[in-house]
C-alpha atoms as a PDB file:
ATOM      1  CA  MET A   1      -0.046  -0.050  -0.005  1.00  0.00           C
ATOM      2  CA  GLU A   2       3.029   2.269   0.484  1.00  0.00           C
ATOM      3  CA  GLU A   3       3.500   2.281  -3.353  1.00  0.00           C
ATOM      4  CA  VAL A   4       0.006   3.651  -4.050  1.00  0.00           C
ATOM      5  CA  PHE A   5       0.366   6.422  -1.388  1.00  0.00           C
ATOM      6  CA  SER A   6       3.889   7.263  -2.780  1.00  0.00           C
ATOM      7  CA  GLY A   7       2.412   7.516  -6.263  1.00  0.00           C
ATOM      8  CA  PHE A   8      -0.353   9.865  -4.939  1.00  0.00           C
ATOM      9  CA  VAL A   9       2.183  12.026  -3.210  1.00  0.00           C
ATOM     10  CA  CYS A  10       4.388  12.311  -6.363  1.00  0.00           C
ATOM     11  CA  GLY A  11       1.316  13.171  -8.381  1.00  0.00           C
ATOM     12  CA  PHE A  12       0.427  15.868  -5.986  1.00  0.00           C
ATOM     13  CA  VAL A  13       3.929  17.306  -6.137  1.00  0.00           C
ATOM     14  CA  MET A  14       3.769  17.087  -9.933  1.00  0.00           C
ATOM     15  CA  SER A  15       0.589  19.077 -10.051  1.00  0.00           C
ATOM     16  CA  ILE A  16       2.082  21.829  -7.762  1.00  0.00           C
ATOM     17  CA  VAL A  17       5.349  21.899  -9.831  1.00  0.00           C
ATOM     18  CA  ALA A  18       3.620  21.889 -13.241  1.00  0.00           C
ATOM     19  CA  THR A  19       0.919  24.542 -12.647  1.00  0.00           C
ATOM     20  CA  PRO A  20       2.856  27.778 -12.590  1.00  0.00           C
ATOM     21  CA  PRO A  21       5.027  27.178 -15.736  1.00  0.00           C
ATOM     22  CA  PHE A  22       1.985  25.935 -17.702  1.00  0.00           C
ATOM     23  CA  ALA A  23      -0.095  28.873 -16.652  1.00  0.00           C
ATOM     24  CA  LEU A  24       2.685  31.191 -17.759  1.00  0.00           C
ATOM     25  CA  TRP A  25       2.960  29.391 -21.011  1.00  0.00           C
ATOM     26  CA  VAL A  26      -0.779  29.706 -21.636  1.00  0.00           C
ATOM     27  CA  THR A  27      -0.781  33.414 -21.074  1.00  0.00           C
ATOM     28  CA  LYS A  28       2.373  33.987 -23.211  1.00  0.00           C
ATOM     29  CA  SER A  29       1.027  31.734 -26.163  1.00  0.00           C
ATOM     30  CA  ARG A  30      -2.470  33.118 -26.136  1.00  0.00           C
ATOM     31  CA  ASP A  31      -1.899  35.204 -29.279  1.00  0.00           C
ATOM     32  CA  ASP A  32       0.030  32.541 -31.140  1.00  0.00           C
ATOM     33  CA  ILE A  33      -2.216  29.450 -30.752  1.00  0.00           C
ATOM     34  CA  PRO A  34      -5.828  29.685 -31.957  1.00  0.00           C
ATOM     35  CA  PHE A  35      -7.230  27.147 -29.425  1.00  0.00           C
ATOM     36  CA  VAL A  36      -5.611  29.067 -26.501  1.00  0.00           C
ATOM     37  CA  ARG A  37      -6.957  32.294 -27.862  1.00  0.00           C
ATOM     38  CA  SER A  38     -10.517  30.938 -27.929  1.00  0.00           C
ATOM     39  CA  ALA A  39     -10.245  29.364 -24.488  1.00  0.00           C
ATOM     40  CA  VAL A  40      -8.648  32.112 -22.527  1.00  0.00           C
ATOM     41  CA  PRO A  41     -10.056  35.588 -22.572  1.00  0.00           C
ATOM     42  CA  LYS A  42      -7.603  38.484 -23.290  1.00  0.00           C
ATOM     43  CA  GLY A  43      -6.432  40.215 -20.120  1.00  0.00           C
ATOM     44  CA  MET A  44      -7.326  37.239 -17.888  1.00  0.00           C
ATOM     45  CA  PRO A  45      -5.249  37.551 -14.662  1.00  0.00           C
ATOM     46  CA  LEU A  46      -2.635  34.768 -14.190  1.00  0.00           C
ATOM     47  CA  THR A  47      -3.845  33.876 -10.817  1.00  0.00           C
ATOM     48  CA  LEU A  48      -7.439  33.384 -11.997  1.00  0.00           C
ATOM     49  CA  LEU A  49      -6.196  31.246 -14.829  1.00  0.00           C
ATOM     50  CA  SER A  50      -4.061  29.163 -12.376  1.00  0.00           C
ATOM     51  CA  ILE A  51      -7.086  27.980 -10.422  1.00  0.00           C
ATOM     52  CA  PRO A  52      -8.688  25.735 -13.069  1.00  0.00           C
ATOM     53  CA  ILE A  53      -5.222  24.536 -14.276  1.00  0.00           C
ATOM     54  CA  ALA A  54      -4.298  23.625 -10.724  1.00  0.00           C
ATOM     55  CA  SER A  55      -7.549  21.735 -10.162  1.00  0.00           C
ATOM     56  CA  PHE A  56      -7.275  19.891 -13.468  1.00  0.00           C
ATOM     57  CA  PHE A  57      -3.553  19.011 -12.905  1.00  0.00           C
ATOM     58  CA  PHE A  58      -4.361  17.787  -9.293  1.00  0.00           C
ATOM     59  CA  LEU A  59      -6.927  15.377 -10.652  1.00  0.00           C
ATOM     60  CA  ILE A  60      -4.847  14.248 -13.529  1.00  0.00           C
ATOM     61  CA  TRP A  61      -1.419  13.784 -11.952  1.00  0.00           C
ATOM     62  CA  THR A  62      -2.665  12.214  -8.643  1.00  0.00           C
ATOM     63  CA  GLU A  63      -4.699   9.766 -10.589  1.00  0.00           C
ATOM     64  CA  LEU A  64      -1.779   8.890 -12.594  1.00  0.00           C
ATOM     65  CA  GLY A  65       0.325   8.563  -9.481  1.00  0.00           C
ATOM     66  CA  LEU A  66      -2.196   6.167  -8.015  1.00  0.00           C
ATOM     67  CA  VAL A  67      -2.028   4.033 -11.186  1.00  0.00           C
ATOM     68  CA  PHE A  68       1.789   4.131 -11.176  1.00  0.00           C
ATOM     69  CA  GLY A  69       1.626   3.089  -7.486  1.00  0.00           C
ATOM     70  CA  MET A  70      -0.495   0.032  -8.376  1.00  0.00           C
ATOM     71  CA  LEU A  71       1.876  -0.765 -11.280  1.00  0.00           C
ATOM     72  CA  LEU A  72       4.790  -0.580  -8.981  1.00  0.00           C
ATOM     73  CA  ILE A  73       3.123  -3.130  -6.662  1.00  0.00           C
ATOM     74  CA  ALA A  74       2.702  -5.547  -9.677  1.00  0.00           C
ATOM     75  CA  VAL A  75       6.201  -4.908 -10.826  1.00  0.00           C
ATOM     76  CA  ASN A  76       7.772  -5.258  -7.388  1.00  0.00           C
ATOM     77  CA  ASP A  77       6.092  -8.689  -7.133  1.00  0.00           C
ATOM     78  CA  SER A  78       7.550  -9.901 -10.390  1.00  0.00           C
ATOM     79  CA  HIS A  79      10.851  -7.967 -10.952  1.00  0.00           C
ATOM     80  CA  PRO A  80      12.102  -6.375  -7.625  1.00  0.00           C
ATOM     81  CA  GLN A  81      15.754  -5.737  -8.732  1.00  0.00           C
ATOM     82  CA  GLY A  82      16.997  -2.143  -8.752  1.00  0.00           C
ATOM     83  CA  GLY A  83      18.987  -0.075 -11.217  1.00  0.00           C
ATOM     84  CA  LEU A  84      19.449   3.406 -12.653  1.00  0.00           C
ATOM     85  CA  GLY A  85      19.255   4.766  -9.069  1.00  0.00           C
ATOM     86  CA  SER A  86      15.818   3.163  -8.492  1.00  0.00           C
ATOM     87  CA  PRO A  87      14.828   0.304  -6.214  1.00  0.00           C
ATOM     88  CA  ASN A  88      13.015  -1.048  -9.350  1.00  0.00           C
ATOM     89  CA  LEU A  89      14.700  -0.838 -12.703  1.00  0.00           C
ATOM     90  CA  LEU A  90      11.735  -2.231 -14.784  1.00  0.00           C
ATOM     91  CA  PHE A  91       9.304   0.257 -13.214  1.00  0.00           C
ATOM     92  CA  THR A  92      11.636   3.203 -13.890  1.00  0.00           C
ATOM     93  CA  VAL A  93      12.053   2.056 -17.615  1.00  0.00           C
ATOM     94  CA  ILE A  94       8.265   1.819 -17.896  1.00  0.00           C
ATOM     95  CA  VAL A  95       7.881   5.309 -16.664  1.00  0.00           C
ATOM     96  CA  LEU A  96      10.668   6.616 -18.866  1.00  0.00           C
ATOM     97  CA  SER A  97       8.997   4.922 -21.889  1.00  0.00           C
ATOM     98  CA  THR A  98       5.649   6.468 -21.052  1.00  0.00           C
ATOM     99  CA  ALA A  99       7.339   9.839 -20.772  1.00  0.00           C
ATOM    100  CA  VAL A 100       8.760   9.537 -24.333  1.00  0.00           C
ATOM    101  CA  ILE A 101       5.388   8.457 -25.701  1.00  0.00           C
ATOM    102  CA  VAL A 102       3.406  11.171 -23.947  1.00  0.00           C
ATOM    103  CA  PHE A 103       5.846  14.148 -24.321  1.00  0.00           C
ATOM    104  CA  SER A 104       7.370  13.490 -27.743  1.00  0.00           C
ATOM    105  CA  PRO A 105       4.326  14.636 -29.730  1.00  0.00           C
ATOM    106  CA  LEU A 106       4.016  17.834 -27.705  1.00  0.00           C
ATOM    107  CA  PHE A 107       7.755  18.527 -28.175  1.00  0.00           C
ATOM    108  CA  VAL A 108       7.498  18.083 -31.926  1.00  0.00           C
ATOM    109  CA  LEU A 109       4.147  19.736 -32.708  1.00  0.00           C
ATOM    110  CA  VAL A 110       4.030  22.686 -30.316  1.00  0.00           C
ATOM    111  CA  ARG A 111       7.305  24.653 -30.941  1.00  0.00           C
ATOM    112  CA  SER A 112       6.540  27.353 -28.437  1.00  0.00           C
ATOM    113  CA  ALA A 113       6.184  24.741 -25.606  1.00  0.00           C
ATOM    114  CA  ARG A 114       9.524  22.923 -26.082  1.00  0.00           C
ATOM    115  CA  ARG A 115      11.086  24.138 -22.882  1.00  0.00           C
ATOM    116  CA  LEU A 116       7.834  23.574 -20.917  1.00  0.00           C
ATOM    117  CA  THR A 117       7.670  20.123 -22.396  1.00  0.00           C
ATOM    118  CA  LEU A 118      11.256  19.185 -21.520  1.00  0.00           C
ATOM    119  CA  PHE A 119      10.750  20.501 -17.898  1.00  0.00           C
ATOM    120  CA  LEU A 120       7.478  18.531 -17.537  1.00  0.00           C
ATOM    121  CA  ALA A 121       8.997  15.373 -18.967  1.00  0.00           C
ATOM    122  CA  PHE A 122      12.042  15.552 -16.543  1.00  0.00           C
ATOM    123  CA  THR A 123       9.861  16.287 -13.614  1.00  0.00           C
ATOM    124  CA  TYR A 124       7.569  13.420 -14.672  1.00  0.00           C
ATOM    125  CA  VAL A 125      10.420  10.944 -14.884  1.00  0.00           C
ATOM    126  CA  ALA A 126      12.131  12.222 -11.699  1.00  0.00           C
ATOM    127  CA  LEU A 127       8.921  12.094  -9.597  1.00  0.00           C
ATOM    128  CA  PHE A 128       7.216   9.009 -10.998  1.00  0.00           C
ATOM    129  CA  GLY A 129      10.230   6.995 -12.226  1.00  0.00           C
ATOM    130  CA  TRP A 130      12.495   7.654  -9.175  1.00  0.00           C
ATOM    131  CA  ALA A 131      10.780   9.288  -6.267  1.00  0.00           C
ATOM    132  CA  THR A 132       7.793   6.980  -6.216  1.00  0.00           C
ATOM    133  CA  PRO A 133       9.709   3.746  -5.943  1.00  0.00           C
ATOM    134  CA  ILE A 134      12.294   5.326  -3.614  1.00  0.00           C
ATOM    135  CA  LEU A 135       9.515   6.661  -1.291  1.00  0.00           C
ATOM    136  CA  ALA A 136       7.686   3.321  -1.332  1.00  0.00           C
ATOM    137  CA  HIS A 137      10.869   1.416  -0.546  1.00  0.00           C
ATOM    138  CA  TYR A 138      11.710   3.808   2.315  1.00  0.00           C
ATOM    139  CA  ALA A 139       8.198   3.535   3.725  1.00  0.00           C
ATOM    140  CA  SER A 140       8.156  -0.197   3.611  1.00  0.00           C
ATOM    141  CA  THR A 141      11.496  -0.519   5.370  1.00  0.00           C
ATOM    142  CA  ARG A 142      10.355   1.953   8.009  1.00  0.00           C
ATOM    143  CA  SER A 143       7.101   0.063   8.753  1.00  0.00           C
ATOM    144  CA  THR A 144       8.604  -3.298   9.137  1.00  0.00           C
END
């Protein structure tokens, strides 16, 4: 159960870390991207824009963290060996692979979001790929 809670905590941290740069990118790219132009009114305050973004990110990233926590339980049962600085090498490789699959299209298609995409991908891998198994491993050794 430590794995699921660790995934939730990492998802929560991801939502906190991702909200400010994403909100800044939305306000800066409002004039360049038609979808953003139609979704965000001109002159909308950054703090007001951050509220729905933070709420959405909280739901998405924490749910993903819960899923990764459950995946970590399954992977720990079948392949518990560590590597790449993680207590579970297979889990970290799975998270790294999903990061490439999820963030590559954004990196290629949205030129104005390349820095943001790299930042989010790095944070995603660091939190879900390394911090989740490390926190779960630490919690399981502390409770027994």
